[in-house]
Amino acid sequence: MPKIVWTPLESNPDSMSELCKTLGVTTIKASTENTPVSFGDVYGLDDELLAMVPQPVLAVIFLYPINKASEDQNLQHEKAQQQQQQHSEDGSQAIQTPSSLWFTKQTISNACGTIALIHALANNQDNVNFTEDSALKRYFEKTKPLSPAERGQILETEAEIANAHKVTAQGGQTKPPDEGDNIYLHFVTFVLHDGGLWELDGRRARPTYHGSCQDLLKGAAGVIKKQIEILNNSEPAVEDKDLSPAASNEFNVIYMGSPPMFD
């Protein structure tokens, strides 16, 4: 079966907010004013700039360039997780991924933006409201008992989600790349779960644990700072005439929560 390829989603909070709405996600449950679930830019990772982000933050999405350092990091994460699994099997203490932490594998090319949004919302189902006919809510209910690989396969068949992604990707502020173009940028999601900070990346075998955490935004910012420092000192993983210097050095951090305080 040929691999499914989507048009990449723009790293734009307005696009993500629109996609969220199209998929039937409405308001934050804890809000007394029917506050819509929204996405906004995080303009910096220092404390004074993080303080400008409205609370509560439900998820953090990070866009980064794929280069040699990011690929090396992925390999290191995979090795560390395999070692944790081996420790678990021999009876010694290991970090176990909670079964209640929702995670899917990415099987669709260029779908990482929507996968990041899905990871953010799937792990906040108790915090947000959905419309009765929400395609995303139906997908979550259908895939609840399934493995990450099976969830990725089911997403390939979700025409309503695919169409919502396509409409949003084509309606961004910049002209979208063509389907099948090589894209050297990737989205991942950070969430709090059971008192821990977890990174969700559909390219990896399982979620990545970053330690205990009480403040999602500050915890994610600390991890992202370190990742940016490493990635800034690396060359692109793949030499390609279409990979511009801007693309190879592009980072963006977006939060999910209440609408931004400043437009």
C-alpha atoms as a PDB file:
ATOM      1  CA  MET A   1       0.000   0.000   0.000  1.00  0.00           C
ATOM      2  CA  PRO A   2       1.462   3.431  -0.951  1.00  0.00           C
ATOM      3  CA  LYS A   3       2.362   5.728   1.934  1.00  0.00           C
ATOM      4  CA  ILE A   4      -0.199   8.448   2.666  1.00  0.00           C
ATOM      5  CA  VAL A   5       1.149  12.003   2.360  1.00  0.00           C
ATOM      6  CA  TRP A   6      -0.550  15.165   3.637  1.00  0.00           C
ATOM      7  CA  THR A   7       0.136  18.832   2.968  1.00  0.00           C
ATOM      8  CA  PRO A   8       2.215  20.152   5.913  1.00  0.00           C
ATOM      9  CA  LEU A   9       0.408  22.274   8.496  1.00  0.00           C
ATOM     10  CA  GLU A  10       1.737  25.788   8.996  1.00  0.00           C
ATOM     11  CA  SER A  11       3.299  26.572  12.383  1.00  0.00           C
ATOM     12  CA  ASN A  12       0.669  29.195  13.102  1.00  0.00           C
ATOM     13  CA  PRO A  13      -1.508  29.431  16.253  1.00  0.00           C
ATOM     14  CA  ASP A  14      -4.455  30.744  14.230  1.00  0.00           C
ATOM     15  CA  SER A  15      -4.308  27.705  11.940  1.00  0.00           C
ATOM     16  CA  MET A  16      -4.208  25.343  14.907  1.00  0.00           C
ATOM     17  CA  SER A  17      -7.095  27.146  16.610  1.00  0.00           C
ATOM     18  CA  GLU A  18      -9.131  26.888  13.408  1.00  0.00           C
ATOM     19  CA  LEU A  19      -8.332  23.191  12.976  1.00  0.00           C
ATOM     20  CA  CYS A  20      -9.261  22.577  16.599  1.00  0.00           C
ATOM     21  CA  LYS A  21     -12.629  24.258  16.057  1.00  0.00           C
ATOM     22  CA  THR A  22     -13.269  22.346  12.817  1.00  0.00           C
ATOM     23  CA  LEU A  23     -12.639  19.062  14.615  1.00  0.00           C
ATOM     24  CA  GLY A  24     -15.336  19.870  17.159  1.00  0.00           C
ATOM     25  CA  VAL A  25     -13.263  21.104  20.108  1.00  0.00           C
ATOM     26  CA  THR A  26     -15.026  23.994  21.824  1.00  0.00           C
ATOM     27  CA  THR A  27     -14.271  25.371  25.294  1.00  0.00           C
ATOM     28  CA  ILE A  28     -12.123  24.822  28.381  1.00  0.00           C
ATOM     29  CA  LYS A  29     -14.155  22.981  31.023  1.00  0.00           C
ATOM     30  CA  ALA A  30     -12.744  24.898  34.002  1.00  0.00           C
ATOM     31  CA  SER A  31     -13.721  28.237  32.464  1.00  0.00           C
ATOM     32  CA  THR A  32     -16.806  30.032  33.766  1.00  0.00           C
ATOM     33  CA  GLU A  33     -16.915  32.260  30.676  1.00  0.00           C
ATOM     34  CA  ASN A  34     -17.004  29.603  27.924  1.00  0.00           C
ATOM     35  CA  THR A  35     -13.379  30.319  27.051  1.00  0.00           C
ATOM     36  CA  PRO A  36     -12.545  28.731  23.680  1.00  0.00           C
ATOM     37  CA  VAL A  37      -9.670  26.288  23.417  1.00  0.00           C
ATOM     38  CA  SER A  38      -7.030  28.366  21.646  1.00  0.00           C
ATOM     39  CA  PHE A  39      -3.398  28.332  20.599  1.00  0.00           C
ATOM     40  CA  GLY A  40      -0.902  31.173  20.960  1.00  0.00           C
ATOM     41  CA  ASP A  41       2.773  31.949  20.430  1.00  0.00           C
ATOM     42  CA  VAL A  42       5.288  31.689  23.246  1.00  0.00           C
ATOM     43  CA  TYR A  43       7.531  34.651  22.433  1.00  0.00           C
ATOM     44  CA  GLY A  44      10.481  33.585  24.545  1.00  0.00           C
ATOM     45  CA  LEU A  45      11.628  30.987  27.039  1.00  0.00           C
ATOM     46  CA  ASP A  46      12.775  33.313  29.832  1.00  0.00           C
ATOM     47  CA  ASP A  47      10.577  33.690  32.915  1.00  0.00           C
ATOM     48  CA  GLU A  48       9.398  37.237  32.122  1.00  0.00           C
ATOM     49  CA  LEU A  49       8.155  36.183  28.675  1.00  0.00           C
ATOM     50  CA  LEU A  50       6.629  32.950  29.947  1.00  0.00           C
ATOM     51  CA  ALA A  51       4.675  35.077  32.447  1.00  0.00           C
ATOM     52  CA  MET A  52       2.843  36.670  29.484  1.00  0.00           C
ATOM     53  CA  VAL A  53       1.236  33.337  28.585  1.00  0.00           C
ATOM     54  CA  PRO A  54      -2.276  32.979  30.070  1.00  0.00           C
ATOM     55  CA  GLN A  55      -2.783  30.118  32.490  1.00  0.00           C
ATOM     56  CA  PRO A  56      -3.641  27.329  32.661  1.00  0.00           C
ATOM     57  CA  VAL A  57      -1.490  25.956  29.853  1.00  0.00           C
ATOM     58  CA  LEU A  58      -2.854  22.590  28.741  1.00  0.00           C
ATOM     59  CA  ALA A  59      -0.099  21.604  26.287  1.00  0.00           C
ATOM     60  CA  VAL A  60       3.031  22.977  24.622  1.00  0.00           C
ATOM     61  CA  ILE A  61       3.878  22.302  20.967  1.00  0.00           C
ATOM     62  CA  PHE A  62       7.446  22.688  19.698  1.00  0.00           C
ATOM     63  CA  LEU A  63       8.510  23.014  16.048  1.00  0.00           C
ATOM     64  CA  TYR A  64      12.169  22.340  15.277  1.00  0.00           C
ATOM     65  CA  PRO A  65      14.368  21.602  12.245  1.00  0.00           C
ATOM     66  CA  ILE A  66      15.343  18.045  11.438  1.00  0.00           C
ATOM     67  CA  ASN A  67      19.130  17.959  11.339  1.00  0.00           C
ATOM     68  CA  LYS A  68      21.968  15.677  12.355  1.00  0.00           C
ATOM     69  CA  ALA A  69      21.689  16.660  16.010  1.00  0.00           C
ATOM     70  CA  SER A  70      17.936  16.023  16.146  1.00  0.00           C
ATOM     71  CA  GLU A  71      18.382  12.622  14.513  1.00  0.00           C
ATOM     72  CA  ASP A  72      21.173  11.786  16.973  1.00  0.00           C
ATOM     73  CA  GLN A  73      18.909  12.868  19.836  1.00  0.00           C
ATOM     74  CA  ASN A  74      16.168  10.563  18.594  1.00  0.00           C
ATOM     75  CA  LEU A  75      18.602   7.641  18.559  1.00  0.00           C
ATOM     76  CA  GLN A  76      19.760   8.468  22.093  1.00  0.00           C
ATOM     77  CA  HIS A  77      16.155   8.635  23.320  1.00  0.00           C
ATOM     78  CA  GLU A  78      15.370   5.284  21.715  1.00  0.00           C
ATOM     79  CA  LYS A  79      18.434   3.643  23.299  1.00  0.00           C
ATOM     80  CA  ALA A  80      17.594   5.092  26.723  1.00  0.00           C
ATOM     81  CA  GLN A  81      14.008   3.881  26.462  1.00  0.00           C
ATOM     82  CA  GLN A  82      15.133   0.402  25.415  1.00  0.00           C
ATOM     83  CA  GLN A  83      17.426   0.272  28.451  1.00  0.00           C
ATOM     84  CA  GLN A  84      14.531   1.311  30.684  1.00  0.00           C
ATOM     85  CA  GLN A  85      12.432  -1.484  29.210  1.00  0.00           C
ATOM     86  CA  GLN A  86      15.219  -4.004  29.838  1.00  0.00           C
ATOM     87  CA  HIS A  87      15.498  -2.861  33.466  1.00  0.00           C
ATOM     88  CA  SER A  88      11.752  -3.308  33.798  1.00  0.00           C
ATOM     89  CA  GLU A  89      11.958  -6.857  32.481  1.00  0.00           C
ATOM     90  CA  ASP A  90      14.760  -7.878  34.865  1.00  0.00           C
ATOM     91  CA  GLY A  91      12.803  -6.581  37.854  1.00  0.00           C
ATOM     92  CA  SER A  92      14.773  -3.416  38.636  1.00  0.00           C
ATOM     93  CA  GLN A  93      13.134  -0.002  38.901  1.00  0.00           C
ATOM     94  CA  ALA A  94      12.258   1.755  35.631  1.00  0.00           C
ATOM     95  CA  ILE A  95      10.063   4.570  34.385  1.00  0.00           C
ATOM     96  CA  GLN A  96       6.895   3.056  32.995  1.00  0.00           C
ATOM     97  CA  THR A  97       4.687   4.893  30.516  1.00  0.00           C
ATOM     98  CA  PRO A  98       1.250   5.236  32.154  1.00  0.00           C
ATOM     99  CA  SER A  99      -1.428   3.348  30.253  1.00  0.00           C
ATOM    100  CA  SER A 100      -3.631   6.449  30.582  1.00  0.00           C
ATOM    101  CA  LEU A 101      -1.125   8.596  28.645  1.00  0.00           C
ATOM    102  CA  TRP A 102      -2.533   8.743  25.101  1.00  0.00           C
ATOM    103  CA  PHE A 103       0.053   8.274  22.346  1.00  0.00           C
ATOM    104  CA  THR A 104      -0.037   7.439  18.646  1.00  0.00           C
ATOM    105  CA  LYS A 105       2.561   6.562  16.071  1.00  0.00           C
ATOM    106  CA  GLN A 106       2.772   8.839  13.026  1.00  0.00           C
ATOM    107  CA  THR A 107       2.240   6.772   9.882  1.00  0.00           C
ATOM    108  CA  ILE A 108       1.216   9.646   7.563  1.00  0.00           C
ATOM    109  CA  SER A 109       3.956  11.781   6.013  1.00  0.00           C
ATOM    110  CA  ASN A 110       3.816  15.518   6.812  1.00  0.00           C
ATOM    111  CA  ALA A 111       1.064  14.971   9.405  1.00  0.00           C
ATOM    112  CA  CYS A 112       3.200  15.927  12.416  1.00  0.00           C
ATOM    113  CA  GLY A 113       1.376  19.250  12.989  1.00  0.00           C
ATOM    114  CA  THR A 114      -2.003  17.571  13.304  1.00  0.00           C
ATOM    115  CA  ILE A 115      -0.479  14.663  15.257  1.00  0.00           C
ATOM    116  CA  ALA A 116       0.920  17.225  17.723  1.00  0.00           C
ATOM    117  CA  LEU A 117      -2.523  18.802  18.071  1.00  0.00           C
ATOM    118  CA  ILE A 118      -4.120  15.363  18.509  1.00  0.00           C
ATOM    119  CA  HIS A 119      -1.607  14.476  21.243  1.00  0.00           C
ATOM    120  CA  ALA A 120      -2.370  17.773  23.002  1.00  0.00           C
ATOM    121  CA  LEU A 121      -6.133  17.249  22.919  1.00  0.00           C
ATOM    122  CA  ALA A 122      -6.157  13.495  23.568  1.00  0.00           C
ATOM    123  CA  ASN A 123      -4.378  14.066  26.867  1.00  0.00           C
ATOM    124  CA  ASN A 124      -6.751  16.871  27.847  1.00  0.00           C
ATOM    125  CA  GLN A 125     -10.093  15.193  27.216  1.00  0.00           C
ATOM    126  CA  ASP A 126     -11.046  15.851  30.839  1.00  0.00           C
ATOM    127  CA  ASN A 127     -10.217  19.551  30.414  1.00  0.00           C
ATOM    128  CA  VAL A 128     -11.965  20.485  27.164  1.00  0.00           C
ATOM    129  CA  ASN A 129     -15.458  20.229  25.709  1.00  0.00           C
ATOM    130  CA  PHE A 130     -16.380  18.674  22.363  1.00  0.00           C
ATOM    131  CA  THR A 131     -19.400  19.056  20.125  1.00  0.00           C
ATOM    132  CA  GLU A 132     -21.729  16.056  19.979  1.00  0.00           C
ATOM    133  CA  ASP A 133     -20.669  15.280  16.397  1.00  0.00           C
ATOM    134  CA  SER A 134     -16.933  15.897  16.916  1.00  0.00           C
ATOM    135  CA  ALA A 135     -14.874  13.762  14.523  1.00  0.00           C
ATOM    136  CA  LEU A 136     -11.944  13.950  16.912  1.00  0.00           C
ATOM    137  CA  LYS A 137     -13.977  12.778  19.905  1.00  0.00           C
ATOM    138  CA  ARG A 138     -15.220   9.811  17.867  1.00  0.00           C
ATOM    139  CA  TYR A 139     -11.633   8.986  16.915  1.00  0.00           C
ATOM    140  CA  PHE A 140     -10.537   9.093  20.566  1.00  0.00           C
ATOM    141  CA  GLU A 141     -13.385   6.804  21.624  1.00  0.00           C
ATOM    142  CA  LYS A 142     -12.708   4.384  18.764  1.00  0.00           C
ATOM    143  CA  THR A 143      -8.977   4.127  19.472  1.00  0.00           C
ATOM    144  CA  LYS A 144      -8.986   4.189  23.284  1.00  0.00           C
ATOM    145  CA  PRO A 145      -8.229   0.455  23.698  1.00  0.00           C
ATOM    146  CA  LEU A 146      -5.784   0.291  20.777  1.00  0.00           C
ATOM    147  CA  SER A 147      -1.984   0.367  20.601  1.00  0.00           C
ATOM    148  CA  PRO A 148      -0.084   3.453  19.332  1.00  0.00           C
ATOM    149  CA  ALA A 149       0.586   1.680  16.028  1.00  0.00           C
ATOM    150  CA  GLU A 150      -3.080   0.785  15.599  1.00  0.00           C
ATOM    151  CA  ARG A 151      -4.137   4.359  16.381  1.00  0.00           C
ATOM    152  CA  GLY A 152      -1.846   5.593  13.620  1.00  0.00           C
ATOM    153  CA  GLN A 153      -3.339   3.119  11.171  1.00  0.00           C
ATOM    154  CA  ILE A 154      -6.897   4.118  12.082  1.00  0.00           C
ATOM    155  CA  LEU A 155      -6.033   7.794  11.526  1.00  0.00           C
ATOM    156  CA  GLU A 156      -5.185   6.921   7.924  1.00  0.00           C
ATOM    157  CA  THR A 157      -8.865   6.037   7.407  1.00  0.00           C
ATOM    158  CA  GLU A 158     -10.370   9.106   9.126  1.00  0.00           C
ATOM    159  CA  ALA A 159     -11.550  11.101   6.092  1.00  0.00           C
ATOM    160  CA  GLU A 160     -13.146  13.889   8.141  1.00  0.00           C
ATOM    161  CA  ILE A 161      -9.938  14.554  10.084  1.00  0.00           C
ATOM    162  CA  ALA A 162      -7.870  14.369   6.886  1.00  0.00           C
ATOM    163  CA  ASN A 163     -10.148  16.859   5.144  1.00  0.00           C
ATOM    164  CA  ALA A 164     -10.042  19.256   8.113  1.00  0.00           C
ATOM    165  CA  HIS A 165      -6.243  19.078   8.031  1.00  0.00           C
ATOM    166  CA  LYS A 166      -6.162  19.704   4.269  1.00  0.00           C
ATOM    167  CA  VAL A 167      -8.458  22.737   4.424  1.00  0.00           C
ATOM    168  CA  THR A 168      -6.453  24.231   7.295  1.00  0.00           C
ATOM    169  CA  ALA A 169      -3.077  23.543   5.648  1.00  0.00           C
ATOM    170  CA  GLN A 170      -4.199  25.222   2.423  1.00  0.00           C
ATOM    171  CA  GLY A 171      -5.626  28.240   4.246  1.00  0.00           C
ATOM    172  CA  GLY A 172      -2.508  29.354   6.125  1.00  0.00           C
ATOM    173  CA  GLN A 173      -0.750  32.695   5.864  1.00  0.00           C
ATOM    174  CA  THR A 174       1.900  31.338   3.496  1.00  0.00           C
ATOM    175  CA  LYS A 175       1.649  29.172   0.380  1.00  0.00           C
ATOM    176  CA  PRO A 176       1.805  25.538   1.514  1.00  0.00           C
ATOM    177  CA  PRO A 177       4.377  23.142   0.047  1.00  0.00           C
ATOM    178  CA  ASP A 178       3.116  20.556  -2.389  1.00  0.00           C
ATOM    179  CA  GLU A 179       2.262  17.097  -1.104  1.00  0.00           C
ATOM    180  CA  GLY A 180       5.383  14.975  -1.378  1.00  0.00           C
ATOM    181  CA  ASP A 181       7.827  17.876  -0.939  1.00  0.00           C
ATOM    182  CA  ASN A 182      10.685  17.149   1.450  1.00  0.00           C
ATOM    183  CA  ILE A 183       9.965  18.958   4.724  1.00  0.00           C
ATOM    184  CA  TYR A 184      12.758  19.176   7.281  1.00  0.00           C
ATOM    185  CA  LEU A 185      10.684  20.512  10.181  1.00  0.00           C
ATOM    186  CA  HIS A 186       8.886  18.545  12.880  1.00  0.00           C
ATOM    187  CA  PHE A 187       6.287  19.150  15.628  1.00  0.00           C
ATOM    188  CA  VAL A 188       6.259  17.482  19.064  1.00  0.00           C
ATOM    189  CA  THR A 189       3.978  17.969  22.075  1.00  0.00           C
ATOM    190  CA  PHE A 190       4.646  18.338  25.807  1.00  0.00           C
ATOM    191  CA  VAL A 191       1.980  17.501  28.397  1.00  0.00           C
ATOM    192  CA  LEU A 192       1.768  16.977  32.143  1.00  0.00           C
ATOM    193  CA  HIS A 193       0.533  13.552  33.211  1.00  0.00           C
ATOM    194  CA  ASP A 194       0.522  12.027  36.700  1.00  0.00           C
ATOM    195  CA  GLY A 195       2.942  14.699  37.909  1.00  0.00           C
ATOM    196  CA  GLY A 196       5.455  14.086  35.128  1.00  0.00           C
ATOM    197  CA  LEU A 197       6.516  16.006  32.013  1.00  0.00           C
ATOM    198  CA  TRP A 198       6.103  13.906  28.875  1.00  0.00           C
ATOM    199  CA  GLU A 199       7.186  14.584  25.294  1.00  0.00           C
ATOM    200  CA  LEU A 200       5.015  13.003  22.606  1.00  0.00           C
ATOM    201  CA  ASP A 201       6.600  12.461  19.201  1.00  0.00           C
ATOM    202  CA  GLY A 202       4.912  10.139  16.725  1.00  0.00           C
ATOM    203  CA  ARG A 203       8.253   9.318  15.106  1.00  0.00           C
ATOM    204  CA  ARG A 204       9.454   7.653  18.317  1.00  0.00           C
ATOM    205  CA  ALA A 205       8.495   4.246  19.647  1.00  0.00           C
ATOM    206  CA  ARG A 206       7.019   5.615  22.881  1.00  0.00           C
ATOM    207  CA  PRO A 207       6.601   8.840  24.919  1.00  0.00           C
ATOM    208  CA  THR A 208       9.711  10.423  26.465  1.00  0.00           C
ATOM    209  CA  TYR A 209       9.736  11.155  30.207  1.00  0.00           C
ATOM    210  CA  HIS A 210      11.485  14.376  31.284  1.00  0.00           C
ATOM    211  CA  GLY A 211      11.052  14.053  35.049  1.00  0.00           C
ATOM    212  CA  SER A 212       8.581  15.205  37.669  1.00  0.00           C
ATOM    213  CA  CYS A 213       7.044  18.611  37.000  1.00  0.00           C
ATOM    214  CA  GLN A 214       4.430  20.963  38.449  1.00  0.00           C
ATOM    215  CA  ASP A 215       4.527  23.807  35.896  1.00  0.00           C
ATOM    216  CA  LEU A 216       4.054  22.533  32.336  1.00  0.00           C
ATOM    217  CA  LEU A 217       5.116  25.747  30.588  1.00  0.00           C
ATOM    218  CA  LYS A 218       8.313  26.231  32.604  1.00  0.00           C
ATOM    219  CA  GLY A 219       9.165  22.546  32.475  1.00  0.00           C
ATOM    220  CA  ALA A 220       8.724  22.338  28.712  1.00  0.00           C
ATOM    221  CA  ALA A 221      10.640  25.612  28.238  1.00  0.00           C
ATOM    222  CA  GLY A 222      13.617  24.152  30.101  1.00  0.00           C
ATOM    223  CA  VAL A 223      13.702  21.064  27.880  1.00  0.00           C
ATOM    224  CA  ILE A 224      13.205  23.122  24.713  1.00  0.00           C
ATOM    225  CA  LYS A 225      16.032  25.531  25.635  1.00  0.00           C
ATOM    226  CA  LYS A 226      18.465  22.632  25.851  1.00  0.00           C
ATOM    227  CA  GLN A 227      17.222  21.157  22.575  1.00  0.00           C
ATOM    228  CA  ILE A 228      17.572  24.467  20.735  1.00  0.00           C
ATOM    229  CA  GLU A 229      21.131  24.882  22.005  1.00  0.00           C
ATOM    230  CA  ILE A 230      22.059  21.447  20.682  1.00  0.00           C
ATOM    231  CA  LEU A 231      20.243  21.855  17.367  1.00  0.00           C
ATOM    232  CA  ASN A 232      21.734  25.288  16.683  1.00  0.00           C
ATOM    233  CA  ASN A 233      25.189  23.703  16.658  1.00  0.00           C
ATOM    234  CA  SER A 234      24.390  21.119  13.999  1.00  0.00           C
ATOM    235  CA  GLU A 235      24.229  20.955  10.224  1.00  0.00           C
ATOM    236  CA  PRO A 236      21.078  19.787   8.357  1.00  0.00           C
ATOM    237  CA  ALA A 237      20.716  16.004   8.396  1.00  0.00           C
ATOM    238  CA  VAL A 238      20.048  15.844   4.657  1.00  0.00           C
ATOM    239  CA  GLU A 239      21.759  17.965   2.039  1.00  0.00           C
ATOM    240  CA  ASP A 240      19.029  19.304  -0.217  1.00  0.00           C
ATOM    241  CA  LYS A 241      18.795  22.368  -2.422  1.00  0.00           C
ATOM    242  CA  ASP A 242      15.257  22.963  -1.137  1.00  0.00           C
ATOM    243  CA  LEU A 243      16.409  23.196   2.492  1.00  0.00           C
ATOM    244  CA  SER A 244      16.942  26.917   3.001  1.00  0.00           C
ATOM    245  CA  PRO A 245      19.018  28.355   5.886  1.00  0.00           C
ATOM    246  CA  ALA A 246      15.781  29.697   7.383  1.00  0.00           C
ATOM    247  CA  ALA A 247      14.176  26.258   7.364  1.00  0.00           C
ATOM    248  CA  SER A 248      17.255  24.615   8.871  1.00  0.00           C
ATOM    249  CA  ASN A 249      17.238  27.108  11.757  1.00  0.00           C
ATOM    250  CA  GLU A 250      13.507  27.490  12.402  1.00  0.00           C
ATOM    251  CA  PHE A 251      12.025  27.044  15.865  1.00  0.00           C
ATOM    252  CA  ASN A 252       8.581  27.880  17.181  1.00  0.00           C
ATOM    253  CA  VAL A 253       6.840  27.268  20.503  1.00  0.00           C
ATOM    254  CA  ILE A 254       3.036  27.326  20.751  1.00  0.00           C
ATOM    255  CA  TYR A 255       0.876  26.806  23.818  1.00  0.00           C
ATOM    256  CA  MET A 256      -2.652  25.385  24.037  1.00  0.00           C
ATOM    257  CA  GLY A 257      -5.016  27.043  26.505  1.00  0.00           C
ATOM    258  CA  SER A 258      -6.900  30.331  26.705  1.00  0.00           C
ATOM    259  CA  PRO A 259      -6.739  32.986  23.953  1.00  0.00           C
ATOM    260  CA  PRO A 260      -3.585  35.175  24.015  1.00  0.00           C
ATOM    261  CA  MET A 261      -3.710  38.267  26.218  1.00  0.00           C
ATOM    262  CA  PHE A 262      -2.142  40.298  23.403  1.00  0.00           C
ATOM    263  CA  ASP A 263      -2.894  39.952  19.676  1.00  0.00           C
END
